[in-house]
Amino acid sequence: MKATFLGHGLNTENKFNVGKQIVVSLADRKYNCFNGFVAFTAISGVLTILKNLKIASKNYSQLRFFIGVDNMGTSKEALELLLKENIETYIFHDKRDYITYHPKIYLFEGPIFTRVIIGSSNLTNSGMKTNIEASVQIDFRTKTDKQGEKLLSEIKNNFSELLNLKSNKLSRLTAELIEKLVADNLIYSQKKLGNSIEENINNDGENPIESGTLTVAEFDINSGFEQEVTESKSKNVNFSEREYEIFDEYIERYLTYVNTLNPSGVVSNQTDDRELYNWYRRMTDYFRNDELPEEIFERLLEVDFPFGEGKERKRLMNWDNRFEQLKVFKKTVDPEGEFTHVPQFKDSSNKYYKLGTWCATQKQRRKGNYPPEWTDYEEEKMNSINFLWEAINMGSRPKDDEWIDNLVNLENYYSESVNYKTVPPQTTKVGKWLNDQMTLKLKGSRGKVKKFLSVIREELLGNLLLRNGVEWEWEKQKHRESVEETLKNWKELQFIDSQPPKKNITETEKELIKSYREKVASLRHRSKIWHNEKNKWKLEILDKAGFPYPKPNETDELLE
């Protein structure tokens, strides 16, 4: 990792100027992904880097700005220019009075090198050139610099809601949004006067309506400095006679380890066999320093020794395992569907929760938002199952996501304790949806070809209903529980009638016994119409309890 201080405003030479470094980085083919987080933007700042933004837009797989509009620090014309040039831009605005969006971070990522510029410079002429500013440029190797990878990961985790476009405070820049920002008095207006821009000279804060005139200067992009290639220092290692003597023994131990513990070929530093781990590390060091004897190198090749690719190989093996789980999910959930799509389940206890999260991570890796770098191998594998990268590919929101939303709404319904052992009314959206799912589960869809609720949906919804005392055959459940409750009353009456008459019976007890007798009488009366195939199951419950009910052509009085 290399860190360089970028300061200007005090030194007239401005050797390591932020503006110079941004434009030279945009034109550099070493990078293919850019994300810029800036609090304030003026047209002078956009014009300064516009030429190189256009170059980058052709070469980069991703080019995005996340711009703030607090304190009237951003101009209408700057946003209009970004929109006109089709630069992907998002506006972040937190309506709380005491919160200001104030970052200045420029991230340049590539397959080999990554550059982070972080400091005080906004995307304005004064921020990039004339103000007294202070920033740091950090350069590191993308794949091998652990400290740099950690820094990048921490930045992305902090801004994950923006990078994932999940924040409700984030809006995609459109002409309509610009007009709304003007109407809400969140951005200010600049006027073009010939080759000059009417702009507040210090436009890194709240801008008054009236401002002075400032001519935009051009930067010399060749004055930026390049990222240096740094190599790890070689270790002094030599393949000794002792290594020859023990090689056969250790190659056998290594093969046993691979066949029984880790087929990736990587010997973990957590293994109990410390001697084997140390031998594995020595072989790796010999290879890196070009000190493996040819015959030893060939022997290691024969057993598919991972050499310097061990970590990546292990990662791809783990990736392949997830991919196989994805194929099983598709076969189980939607075997006839055109696309493969796994929603991000909100319930972490769901057995597919991790798979949904993994799929979301692959989407971000493919866009260049998360390490490690997306590979052609992974691209081919995902495309082989027609994985749905964007919802727009289907012309609408994926049905799985809509279904999960309804499931969450049902969970919210059951979060109220009074709703236990009930179902929402069919007059409500979630009630109608639940009724449709129950119909799909029990009867299937209408039409010539019956379609039933998929296995995973049946499991997800079934578990939720079970936890809240509801069965799939809800109407049948209500009838059964009503009959079973009345049978409990009948047995209680049998016990009361078998006892000597109670002398001091209270009015409450009298009312309770009366209600029991009425319910039992009603059950006997209703049972007369149950002598058919549809209601046969009700009579089976009565028979099991030994309840006397009218047989065909009998009356209730015969049972009294």
Protein backbone atom coordinates (compact mmCIF):
# COMPACT_ATOMS: atom_id res chain seq x y z
CA MET A 1 0.00 0.00 0.00
CA LYS A 2 1.19 3.51 -0.79
CA ALA A 3 -0.30 6.65 0.77
CA THR A 4 0.30 10.12 -0.72
CA PHE A 5 -0.81 13.45 0.71
CA LEU A 6 -2.70 15.67 -1.75
CA GLY A 7 -2.73 19.29 -0.69
CA HIS A 8 -3.29 22.53 -2.57
CA GLY A 9 -4.04 26.16 -1.96
CA LEU A 10 -0.93 26.92 0.11
CA ASN A 11 1.62 25.73 -2.43
CA THR A 12 1.36 27.39 -5.83
CA GLU A 13 2.89 24.39 -7.60
CA ASN A 14 0.07 22.05 -6.57
CA LYS A 15 2.22 19.05 -7.47
CA PHE A 16 -0.23 16.49 -6.14
CA ASN A 17 -3.52 18.24 -6.80
CA VAL A 18 -6.81 16.37 -6.16
CA GLY A 19 -8.32 17.56 -9.43
CA LYS A 20 -5.27 16.40 -11.36
CA GLN A 21 -5.38 13.00 -9.73
CA ILE A 22 -9.09 12.52 -10.44
CA VAL A 23 -8.79 13.32 -14.14
CA VAL A 24 -5.67 11.22 -14.66
CA SER A 25 -7.31 8.32 -12.82
CA LEU A 26 -10.47 8.52 -14.96
CA ALA A 27 -8.34 8.22 -18.10
CA ASP A 28 -6.27 5.35 -16.69
CA ARG A 29 -7.09 1.92 -18.16
CA LYS A 30 -5.96 0.25 -14.91
CA TYR A 31 -9.38 1.03 -13.43
CA ASN A 32 -12.82 -0.11 -14.61
CA CYS A 33 -15.13 0.92 -11.76
CA PHE A 34 -15.70 4.34 -10.18
CA ASN A 35 -17.88 5.52 -7.30
CA GLY A 36 -17.76 9.14 -6.16
CA PHE A 37 -19.33 10.44 -2.94
CA VAL A 38 -19.43 14.25 -2.83
CA ALA A 39 -21.33 16.75 -0.71
CA PHE A 40 -21.37 19.71 -3.16
CA THR A 41 -21.13 19.97 -6.94
CA ALA A 42 -20.79 23.02 -9.19
CA ILE A 43 -20.73 23.18 -12.97
CA SER A 44 -17.10 24.30 -12.88
CA GLY A 45 -16.15 21.04 -11.15
CA VAL A 46 -18.07 18.91 -13.65
CA LEU A 47 -16.59 20.79 -16.61
CA THR A 48 -13.10 20.31 -15.21
CA ILE A 49 -13.33 16.52 -15.37
CA LEU A 50 -15.98 16.17 -18.11
CA LYS A 51 -13.56 15.18 -20.89
CA ASN A 52 -12.18 12.37 -18.79
CA LEU A 53 -15.63 11.37 -17.52
CA LYS A 54 -16.58 10.73 -21.14
CA ILE A 55 -13.45 8.62 -21.65
CA ALA A 56 -14.16 6.64 -18.50
CA SER A 57 -17.83 6.12 -19.42
CA LYS A 58 -16.67 4.17 -22.48
CA ASN A 59 -14.02 2.11 -20.69
CA TYR A 60 -15.50 1.59 -17.24
CA SER A 61 -18.09 -1.08 -16.44
CA GLN A 62 -19.49 1.27 -13.79
CA LEU A 63 -19.29 5.04 -13.29
CA ARG A 64 -21.46 6.60 -10.57
CA PHE A 65 -21.76 9.72 -8.41
CA PHE A 66 -23.63 10.04 -5.12
CA ILE A 67 -24.15 13.78 -4.63
CA GLY A 68 -25.59 15.80 -1.76
CA VAL A 69 -27.87 18.85 -1.91
CA ASP A 70 -27.56 20.18 1.65
CA ASN A 71 -26.83 23.88 2.39
CA MET A 72 -27.54 24.76 -1.27
CA GLY A 73 -24.02 23.59 -2.07
CA THR A 74 -24.94 21.94 -5.39
CA SER A 75 -25.99 23.79 -8.54
CA LYS A 76 -28.84 23.07 -10.91
CA GLU A 77 -26.58 23.45 -13.95
CA ALA A 78 -24.04 20.94 -12.62
CA LEU A 79 -26.76 18.30 -12.26
CA GLU A 80 -28.21 19.13 -15.67
CA LEU A 81 -24.79 18.63 -17.26
CA LEU A 82 -24.30 15.24 -15.57
CA LEU A 83 -27.77 14.22 -16.74
CA LYS A 84 -27.14 15.43 -20.28
CA GLU A 85 -23.92 13.41 -20.51
CA ASN A 86 -25.66 10.27 -19.17
CA ILE A 87 -23.40 10.06 -16.13
CA GLU A 88 -25.13 7.75 -13.64
CA THR A 89 -25.89 10.04 -10.71
CA TYR A 90 -27.85 9.69 -7.49
CA ILE A 91 -28.94 12.45 -5.12
CA PHE A 92 -28.75 11.78 -1.39
CA HIS A 93 -30.85 13.95 0.93
CA ASP A 94 -31.68 13.37 4.58
CA LYS A 95 -34.57 15.67 5.53
CA ARG A 96 -33.56 15.87 9.18
CA ASP A 97 -32.35 19.40 9.94
CA TYR A 98 -29.34 18.33 11.96
CA ILE A 99 -27.93 15.89 9.35
CA THR A 100 -25.65 17.01 6.50
CA TYR A 101 -24.38 14.69 3.77
CA HIS A 102 -20.71 15.70 3.73
CA PRO A 103 -18.34 12.99 2.33
CA LYS A 104 -15.65 13.53 -0.32
CA ILE A 105 -14.49 10.09 -1.46
CA TYR A 106 -13.41 8.97 -4.93
CA LEU A 107 -13.02 5.20 -5.45
CA PHE A 108 -11.22 3.82 -8.51
CA GLU A 109 -11.16 0.02 -8.74
CA GLY A 110 -9.51 -2.31 -11.21
CA PRO A 111 -8.56 -5.99 -11.47
CA ILE A 112 -4.97 -5.30 -10.36
CA PHE A 113 -4.90 -1.85 -8.74
CA THR A 114 -7.28 0.16 -6.57
CA ARG A 115 -7.07 3.87 -5.77
CA VAL A 116 -8.92 5.69 -2.98
CA ILE A 117 -8.91 9.50 -2.75
CA ILE A 118 -10.46 10.72 0.47
CA GLY A 119 -10.34 14.16 2.06
CA SER A 120 -11.98 17.57 1.89
CA SER A 121 -12.33 18.22 -1.87
CA ASN A 122 -15.82 18.54 -3.36
CA LEU A 123 -16.61 18.33 -7.07
CA THR A 124 -16.20 22.09 -7.50
CA ASN A 125 -13.50 24.29 -8.98
CA SER A 126 -12.58 25.63 -5.56
CA GLY A 127 -12.65 22.15 -3.99
CA MET A 128 -10.34 20.66 -6.58
CA LYS A 129 -7.97 23.57 -7.22
CA THR A 130 -8.18 26.92 -5.46
CA ASN A 131 -9.26 26.19 -1.90
CA ILE A 132 -6.82 25.17 0.82
CA GLU A 133 -7.71 21.47 0.82
CA ALA A 134 -6.22 18.31 2.28
CA SER A 135 -6.74 14.76 1.01
CA VAL A 136 -4.95 11.42 0.96
CA GLN A 137 -4.55 9.15 -2.05
CA ILE A 138 -4.15 5.48 -1.20
CA ASP A 139 -2.96 3.04 -3.85
CA PHE A 140 -2.79 -0.73 -3.41
CA ARG A 141 -2.96 -4.02 -5.25
CA THR A 142 -6.57 -5.15 -5.50
CA LYS A 143 -6.14 -8.85 -4.79
CA THR A 144 -3.09 -9.15 -2.59
CA ASP A 145 -2.96 -6.13 -0.29
CA LYS A 146 -4.85 -7.22 2.85
CA GLN A 147 -4.74 -3.79 4.47
CA GLY A 148 -6.02 -2.11 1.33
CA GLU A 149 -8.74 -4.72 0.85
CA LYS A 150 -9.82 -4.17 4.46
CA LEU A 151 -9.98 -0.38 3.93
CA LEU A 152 -12.05 -0.75 0.76
CA SER A 153 -14.38 -3.24 2.45
CA GLU A 154 -14.92 -0.89 5.40
CA ILE A 155 -15.74 2.03 3.10
CA LYS A 156 -18.18 -0.06 1.10
CA ASN A 157 -19.81 -1.47 4.20
CA ASN A 158 -20.30 2.06 5.53
CA PHE A 159 -21.90 3.20 2.26
CA SER A 160 -23.59 -0.13 1.49
CA GLU A 161 -27.13 1.33 1.45
CA LEU A 162 -26.02 3.77 -1.23
CA LEU A 163 -23.96 1.31 -3.27
CA ASN A 164 -26.80 -1.22 -3.17
CA LEU A 165 -29.27 1.58 -4.04
CA LYS A 166 -31.38 0.52 -1.05
CA SER A 167 -31.53 3.82 0.85
CA ASN A 168 -34.89 5.58 0.89
CA LYS A 169 -32.96 8.86 1.01
CA LEU A 170 -31.47 8.16 -2.43
CA SER A 171 -33.00 9.21 -5.77
CA ARG A 172 -31.81 8.64 -9.35
CA LEU A 173 -31.09 11.94 -11.08
CA THR A 174 -33.79 12.89 -13.59
CA ALA A 175 -35.05 16.13 -15.11
CA GLU A 176 -38.14 15.89 -12.90
CA LEU A 177 -36.00 15.47 -9.79
CA ILE A 178 -33.94 18.55 -10.68
CA GLU A 179 -37.10 20.65 -10.96
CA LYS A 180 -38.31 19.32 -7.62
CA LEU A 181 -34.97 20.18 -5.98
CA VAL A 182 -35.28 23.72 -7.34
CA ALA A 183 -38.86 23.99 -6.09
CA ASP A 184 -37.79 22.74 -2.65
CA ASN A 185 -34.99 25.37 -2.58
CA LEU A 186 -32.31 22.69 -2.18
CA ILE A 187 -30.08 23.65 -5.12
CA TYR A 188 -29.05 27.00 -6.55
CA SER A 189 -28.85 28.25 -10.14
CA GLN A 190 -25.82 29.44 -12.12
CA LYS A 191 -25.83 31.46 -15.34
CA LYS A 192 -23.48 31.05 -18.26
CA LEU A 193 -21.84 34.28 -19.42
CA GLY A 194 -19.70 33.60 -22.47
CA ASN A 195 -16.80 31.41 -21.44
CA SER A 196 -17.31 32.19 -17.76
CA ILE A 197 -19.56 30.67 -15.15
CA GLU A 198 -21.46 32.82 -12.68
CA GLU A 199 -20.57 31.04 -9.48
CA ASN A 200 -19.97 31.92 -5.87
CA ILE A 201 -16.18 31.96 -5.51
CA ASN A 202 -16.26 29.81 -2.41
CA ASN A 203 -19.00 27.40 -3.41
CA ASP A 204 -18.31 24.74 -0.78
CA GLY A 205 -21.05 25.96 1.52
CA GLU A 206 -24.41 27.68 1.40
CA ASN A 207 -24.73 29.71 -1.79
CA PRO A 208 -26.57 33.04 -1.94
CA ILE A 209 -28.83 33.82 -4.85
CA GLU A 210 -26.45 36.47 -6.18
CA SER A 211 -22.90 35.35 -6.95
CA GLY A 212 -19.77 36.59 -8.59
CA THR A 213 -18.23 35.49 -11.89
CA LEU A 214 -15.48 32.89 -12.00
CA THR A 215 -13.72 31.63 -15.12
CA VAL A 216 -13.16 27.88 -15.19
CA ALA A 217 -9.55 26.90 -15.76
CA GLU A 218 -8.43 23.70 -17.45
CA PHE A 219 -6.18 21.13 -15.80
CA ASP A 220 -3.18 19.48 -17.35
CA ILE A 221 -4.02 15.79 -16.91
CA ASN A 222 -0.46 14.77 -17.68
CA SER A 223 0.73 16.34 -14.45
CA GLY A 224 -0.82 13.59 -12.30
CA PHE A 225 1.36 10.81 -10.94
CA GLU A 226 0.98 7.13 -11.74
CA GLN A 227 0.34 4.28 -9.36
CA GLU A 228 3.56 2.49 -8.57
CA VAL A 229 3.98 -1.26 -8.84
CA THR A 230 5.24 -2.70 -5.58
CA GLU A 231 6.51 -6.25 -5.26
CA SER A 232 6.87 -8.36 -2.15
CA LYS A 233 10.42 -8.92 -0.97
CA SER A 234 11.81 -12.33 -1.83
CA LYS A 235 12.55 -14.72 0.98
CA ASN A 236 15.89 -16.45 1.24
CA VAL A 237 14.90 -20.09 0.89
CA ASN A 238 16.81 -23.05 -0.46
CA PHE A 239 15.61 -26.56 -1.24
CA SER A 240 17.82 -28.68 1.00
CA GLU A 241 18.85 -32.31 1.00
CA ARG A 242 16.61 -32.84 3.98
CA GLU A 243 13.63 -31.71 1.84
CA TYR A 244 14.46 -34.42 -0.68
CA GLU A 245 14.61 -37.04 2.08
CA ILE A 246 11.22 -36.28 3.57
CA PHE A 247 9.37 -35.43 0.35
CA ASP A 248 7.86 -38.89 -0.30
CA GLU A 249 6.57 -39.11 3.26
CA TYR A 250 4.95 -35.70 3.15
CA ILE A 251 3.46 -36.06 -0.29
CA GLU A 252 1.60 -39.14 1.02
CA ARG A 253 0.43 -37.26 4.10
CA TYR A 254 -0.66 -34.42 1.86
CA LEU A 255 -2.72 -36.76 -0.38
CA THR A 256 -4.41 -38.27 2.68
CA TYR A 257 -5.26 -34.75 3.91
CA VAL A 258 -6.71 -33.77 0.52
CA ASN A 259 -8.77 -36.95 0.17
CA THR A 260 -10.20 -36.86 3.69
CA LEU A 261 -10.29 -33.23 4.81
CA ASN A 262 -9.94 -30.62 2.06
CA PRO A 263 -10.26 -31.48 -1.66
CA SER A 264 -9.21 -27.93 -2.60
CA GLY A 265 -5.61 -28.90 -1.87
CA VAL A 266 -5.11 -25.99 0.54
CA VAL A 267 -3.69 -27.01 3.91
CA SER A 268 -5.42 -24.83 6.47
CA ASN A 269 -3.42 -23.14 9.21
CA GLN A 270 -6.05 -24.54 11.58
CA THR A 271 -5.07 -28.15 10.87
CA ASP A 272 -3.83 -30.29 13.75
CA ASP A 273 -0.96 -31.61 11.63
CA ARG A 274 1.39 -28.67 12.07
CA GLU A 275 4.27 -30.48 10.37
CA LEU A 276 2.18 -30.95 7.23
CA TYR A 277 1.11 -27.29 7.30
CA ASN A 278 4.73 -26.11 7.61
CA TRP A 279 5.76 -28.39 4.74
CA TYR A 280 2.91 -27.03 2.60
CA ARG A 281 4.02 -23.45 3.32
CA ARG A 282 7.63 -24.27 2.45
CA MET A 283 6.62 -25.78 -0.90
CA THR A 284 4.62 -22.65 -1.63
CA ASP A 285 7.57 -20.40 -0.75
CA TYR A 286 9.93 -22.45 -2.94
CA PHE A 287 7.53 -22.04 -5.84
CA ARG A 288 7.14 -18.27 -5.36
CA ASN A 289 10.91 -17.81 -5.27
CA ASP A 290 11.49 -20.08 -8.29
CA GLU A 291 13.52 -22.51 -6.19
CA LEU A 292 11.56 -25.72 -6.72
CA PRO A 293 13.70 -28.40 -8.39
CA GLU A 294 12.13 -29.51 -11.66
CA GLU A 295 11.49 -33.10 -10.52
CA ILE A 296 9.81 -31.87 -7.31
CA PHE A 297 7.73 -29.39 -9.26
CA GLU A 298 6.51 -32.18 -11.56
CA ARG A 299 5.62 -34.40 -8.60
CA LEU A 300 3.55 -31.60 -7.08
CA LEU A 301 1.87 -30.94 -10.41
CA GLU A 302 0.84 -34.61 -10.57
CA VAL A 303 -1.12 -34.27 -7.32
CA ASP A 304 -2.64 -30.95 -8.41
CA PHE A 305 -0.82 -28.91 -5.76
CA PRO A 306 -2.46 -25.43 -5.67
CA PHE A 307 0.82 -23.43 -5.45
CA GLY A 308 0.02 -19.70 -5.41
CA GLU A 309 -3.62 -20.20 -6.40
CA GLY A 310 -4.66 -21.97 -3.20
CA LYS A 311 -6.83 -19.22 -1.78
CA GLU A 312 -8.65 -18.62 -5.06
CA ARG A 313 -9.13 -22.33 -5.61
CA LYS A 314 -10.66 -22.74 -2.18
CA ARG A 315 -12.94 -19.74 -2.80
CA LEU A 316 -14.14 -21.20 -6.12
CA MET A 317 -14.83 -24.55 -4.50
CA ASN A 318 -17.01 -22.82 -1.91
CA TRP A 319 -18.61 -20.85 -4.73
CA ASP A 320 -19.36 -24.06 -6.63
CA ASN A 321 -21.05 -25.50 -3.55
CA ARG A 322 -23.35 -22.48 -3.36
CA PHE A 323 -24.02 -22.72 -7.08
CA GLU A 324 -25.15 -26.33 -6.66
CA GLN A 325 -27.50 -25.21 -3.89
CA LEU A 326 -28.86 -22.59 -6.29
CA LYS A 327 -29.58 -25.28 -8.89
CA VAL A 328 -31.40 -27.38 -6.29
CA PHE A 329 -33.44 -24.33 -5.28
CA LYS A 330 -34.46 -23.73 -8.92
CA LYS A 331 -35.42 -27.37 -9.42
CA THR A 332 -37.47 -27.36 -6.23
CA VAL A 333 -39.16 -23.97 -6.47
CA ASP A 334 -39.70 -23.23 -10.14
CA PRO A 335 -38.46 -26.05 -12.42
CA GLU A 336 -40.44 -24.78 -15.42
CA GLY A 337 -39.58 -21.10 -14.97
CA GLU A 338 -37.62 -19.18 -17.59
CA PHE A 339 -35.30 -17.52 -15.06
CA THR A 340 -33.49 -18.53 -11.89
CA HIS A 341 -34.26 -16.06 -9.14
CA VAL A 342 -33.80 -16.23 -5.36
CA PRO A 343 -35.34 -13.42 -3.28
CA GLN A 344 -33.58 -11.91 -0.28
CA PHE A 345 -35.59 -13.41 2.54
CA LYS A 346 -36.11 -11.09 5.50
CA ASP A 347 -36.47 -13.93 7.99
CA SER A 348 -32.94 -15.08 8.90
CA SER A 349 -34.34 -18.37 10.23
CA ASN A 350 -35.47 -19.36 6.74
CA LYS A 351 -33.30 -22.17 5.38
CA TYR A 352 -32.83 -20.27 2.08
CA TYR A 353 -31.89 -16.99 3.79
CA LYS A 354 -28.14 -17.46 3.23
CA LEU A 355 -28.64 -18.50 -0.39
CA GLY A 356 -30.66 -15.34 -1.08
CA THR A 357 -27.96 -13.21 0.53
CA TRP A 358 -25.27 -15.01 -1.48
CA CYS A 359 -27.12 -14.31 -4.75
CA ALA A 360 -27.41 -10.61 -3.85
CA THR A 361 -23.65 -10.53 -3.18
CA GLN A 362 -22.91 -12.08 -6.60
CA LYS A 363 -24.92 -9.30 -8.25
CA GLN A 364 -22.80 -6.67 -6.48
CA ARG A 365 -19.55 -8.49 -7.28
CA ARG A 366 -20.55 -8.61 -10.94
CA LYS A 367 -21.09 -4.83 -10.87
CA GLY A 368 -17.65 -4.36 -9.29
CA ASN A 369 -19.03 -3.17 -5.95
CA TYR A 370 -17.54 -5.96 -3.83
CA PRO A 371 -14.38 -8.05 -3.96
CA PRO A 372 -13.18 -10.45 -5.21
CA GLU A 373 -13.21 -9.67 -8.91
CA TRP A 374 -15.95 -11.37 -10.91
CA THR A 375 -14.58 -14.12 -13.18
CA ASP A 376 -15.56 -15.44 -16.61
CA TYR A 377 -16.02 -18.86 -15.02
CA GLU A 378 -18.66 -17.52 -12.64
CA GLU A 379 -20.36 -15.57 -15.43
CA GLU A 380 -20.69 -18.69 -17.59
CA LYS A 381 -22.01 -20.80 -14.73
CA MET A 382 -24.68 -18.27 -13.73
CA ASN A 383 -25.75 -17.69 -17.32
CA SER A 384 -26.06 -21.46 -17.84
CA ILE A 385 -29.09 -21.43 -15.51
CA ASN A 386 -30.40 -18.11 -16.88
CA PHE A 387 -29.85 -16.32 -13.57
CA LEU A 388 -31.95 -13.15 -13.27
CA TRP A 389 -29.45 -10.31 -12.79
CA GLU A 390 -31.95 -7.46 -12.95
CA ALA A 391 -35.69 -7.46 -12.33
CA ILE A 392 -36.11 -5.31 -15.44
CA ASN A 393 -35.23 -8.37 -17.55
CA MET A 394 -38.65 -9.80 -16.74
CA GLY A 395 -40.53 -6.62 -17.54
CA SER A 396 -41.81 -6.43 -13.96
CA ARG A 397 -40.89 -7.16 -10.40
CA PRO A 398 -40.02 -10.84 -9.79
CA LYS A 399 -43.06 -12.71 -8.48
CA ASP A 400 -41.01 -14.28 -5.70
CA ASP A 401 -40.33 -10.83 -4.25
CA GLU A 402 -44.03 -9.91 -4.37
CA TRP A 403 -44.90 -13.20 -2.68
CA ILE A 404 -42.37 -12.58 0.10
CA ASP A 405 -43.81 -9.08 0.62
CA ASN A 406 -47.25 -10.62 1.19
CA LEU A 407 -45.75 -13.17 3.57
CA VAL A 408 -44.16 -10.32 5.55
CA ASN A 409 -47.52 -8.52 5.67
CA LEU A 410 -49.08 -11.69 7.07
CA GLU A 411 -46.29 -11.85 9.66
CA ASN A 412 -47.13 -8.28 10.64
CA TYR A 413 -50.79 -9.28 11.01
CA TYR A 414 -49.84 -12.09 13.40
CA SER A 415 -47.52 -9.82 15.39
CA GLU A 416 -50.73 -8.64 17.11
CA SER A 417 -51.53 -11.22 19.80
CA VAL A 418 -55.29 -10.77 19.29
CA ASN A 419 -54.90 -12.25 15.79
CA TYR A 420 -53.67 -15.63 17.04
CA LYS A 421 -55.71 -18.49 15.56
CA THR A 422 -57.45 -16.20 13.08
CA VAL A 423 -57.03 -15.30 9.41
CA PRO A 424 -57.26 -11.80 7.91
CA PRO A 425 -60.63 -10.92 6.33
CA GLN A 426 -60.78 -11.57 2.58
CA THR A 427 -61.77 -7.94 2.14
CA THR A 428 -58.11 -7.09 2.88
CA LYS A 429 -55.25 -7.57 0.41
CA VAL A 430 -53.34 -9.97 2.66
CA GLY A 431 -56.54 -11.88 3.47
CA LYS A 432 -57.36 -12.43 -0.20
CA TRP A 433 -53.75 -13.44 -0.87
CA LEU A 434 -53.82 -15.99 1.97
CA ASN A 435 -57.08 -17.47 0.69
CA ASP A 436 -55.54 -17.80 -2.80
CA GLN A 437 -52.50 -19.61 -1.36
CA MET A 438 -54.71 -22.00 0.62
CA THR A 439 -56.71 -22.74 -2.55
CA LEU A 440 -53.50 -23.41 -4.51
CA LYS A 441 -52.28 -25.74 -1.78
CA LEU A 442 -55.54 -27.74 -1.46
CA LYS A 443 -57.19 -27.59 -4.91
CA GLY A 444 -54.65 -26.09 -7.29
CA SER A 445 -55.24 -23.36 -9.85
CA ARG A 446 -58.19 -23.22 -12.20
CA GLY A 447 -57.82 -24.32 -15.79
CA LYS A 448 -56.99 -27.48 -17.70
CA VAL A 449 -53.46 -27.80 -16.24
CA LYS A 450 -53.49 -27.74 -12.46
CA LYS A 451 -50.71 -25.82 -10.73
CA PHE A 452 -50.18 -26.12 -7.02
CA LEU A 453 -48.26 -24.14 -4.42
CA SER A 454 -44.51 -24.76 -4.79
CA VAL A 455 -42.69 -26.77 -2.14
CA ILE A 456 -40.74 -23.84 -0.71
CA ARG A 457 -43.77 -21.54 -0.57
CA GLU A 458 -45.79 -24.26 1.10
CA GLU A 459 -43.03 -24.66 3.69
CA LEU A 460 -42.60 -20.92 4.34
CA LEU A 461 -46.30 -20.15 4.64
CA GLY A 462 -47.11 -23.41 6.41
CA ASN A 463 -44.55 -22.71 9.14
CA LEU A 464 -45.95 -19.22 9.69
CA LEU A 465 -49.53 -20.49 9.94
CA LEU A 466 -48.52 -23.33 12.24
CA ARG A 467 -46.80 -20.93 14.64
CA ASN A 468 -50.05 -18.96 14.81
CA GLY A 469 -52.44 -21.87 15.29
CA VAL A 470 -53.86 -21.92 11.76
CA GLU A 471 -54.12 -24.99 9.51
CA TRP A 472 -54.30 -25.09 5.73
CA GLU A 473 -57.94 -26.29 5.85
CA TRP A 474 -59.00 -23.34 7.94
CA GLU A 475 -62.78 -23.79 7.58
CA LYS A 476 -62.52 -27.47 8.47
CA GLN A 477 -60.30 -26.55 11.44
CA LYS A 478 -62.94 -24.16 12.79
CA HIS A 479 -65.69 -26.82 12.53
CA ARG A 480 -63.50 -29.50 14.11
CA GLU A 481 -62.44 -27.33 17.03
CA SER A 482 -66.06 -26.27 17.60
CA VAL A 483 -67.16 -29.93 17.74
CA GLU A 484 -64.22 -30.86 20.00
CA GLU A 485 -65.02 -27.98 22.37
CA THR A 486 -68.67 -29.08 22.61
CA LEU A 487 -67.55 -32.65 23.33
CA LYS A 488 -65.54 -31.31 26.27
CA ASN A 489 -68.76 -29.66 27.53
CA TRP A 490 -70.65 -32.96 27.12
CA LYS A 491 -68.06 -34.88 29.15
CA GLU A 492 -68.20 -32.19 31.83
CA LEU A 493 -72.02 -32.62 31.97
CA GLN A 494 -71.62 -36.38 32.27
CA PHE A 495 -69.39 -35.86 35.28
CA ILE A 496 -71.80 -33.36 36.89
CA ASP A 497 -74.81 -35.67 36.31
CA SER A 498 -72.94 -38.59 37.87
CA GLN A 499 -72.44 -36.69 41.13
CA PRO A 500 -75.01 -36.20 43.95
CA PRO A 501 -77.08 -33.03 43.45
CA LYS A 502 -75.22 -29.99 44.75
CA LYS A 503 -77.17 -28.08 47.42
CA ASN A 504 -75.70 -24.59 47.15
CA ILE A 505 -75.29 -24.14 43.40
CA THR A 506 -74.59 -20.57 42.33
CA GLU A 507 -76.37 -18.66 39.56
CA THR A 508 -73.15 -18.56 37.56
CA GLU A 509 -72.83 -22.34 37.74
CA LYS A 510 -76.47 -22.70 36.70
CA GLU A 511 -75.89 -20.49 33.65
CA LEU A 512 -72.75 -22.41 32.73
CA ILE A 513 -74.48 -25.81 32.94
CA LYS A 514 -77.40 -24.43 30.94
CA SER A 515 -75.06 -23.21 28.18
CA TYR A 516 -73.34 -26.63 28.12
CA ARG A 517 -76.71 -28.39 27.65
CA GLU A 518 -77.72 -25.99 24.88
CA LYS A 519 -74.46 -26.57 23.02
CA VAL A 520 -74.74 -30.35 23.34
CA ALA A 521 -78.34 -30.26 22.14
CA SER A 522 -77.30 -28.10 19.19
CA LEU A 523 -74.53 -30.55 18.31
CA ARG A 524 -76.97 -33.46 18.29
CA HIS A 525 -79.38 -31.52 16.12
CA ARG A 526 -76.67 -30.46 13.61
CA SER A 527 -75.31 -33.99 13.38
CA LYS A 528 -78.54 -35.14 11.67
CA ILE A 529 -77.39 -33.58 8.39
CA TRP A 530 -73.89 -35.03 8.57
CA HIS A 531 -74.77 -38.45 7.21
CA ASN A 532 -73.00 -37.90 3.89
CA GLU A 533 -69.53 -38.27 2.43
CA LYS A 534 -68.66 -34.60 2.80
CA ASN A 535 -69.32 -34.50 6.57
CA LYS A 536 -68.36 -38.07 7.37
CA TRP A 537 -65.22 -36.89 9.22
CA LYS A 538 -67.37 -35.00 11.77
CA LEU A 539 -69.30 -38.13 12.68
CA GLU A 540 -66.00 -40.01 13.06
CA ILE A 541 -65.01 -37.50 15.76
CA LEU A 542 -68.33 -38.11 17.55
CA ASP A 543 -67.93 -41.88 17.28
CA LYS A 544 -64.38 -41.71 18.69
CA ALA A 545 -65.66 -39.74 21.70
CA GLY A 546 -68.67 -42.08 22.17
CA PHE A 547 -71.13 -39.22 21.72
CA PRO A 548 -74.74 -40.38 21.11
CA TYR A 549 -76.11 -38.66 18.03
CA PRO A 550 -79.25 -39.36 15.94
CA LYS A 551 -78.86 -42.06 13.33
CA PRO A 552 -80.83 -41.74 10.10
CA ASN A 553 -84.60 -41.69 10.78
CA GLU A 554 -83.97 -41.16 14.53
CA THR A 555 -84.96 -38.06 16.48
CA ASP A 556 -83.07 -36.16 19.16
CA GLU A 557 -85.68 -37.23 21.76
CA LEU A 558 -84.67 -40.90 21.47
CA LEU A 559 -81.23 -39.97 22.76
CA GLU A 560 -82.42 -38.02 25.78
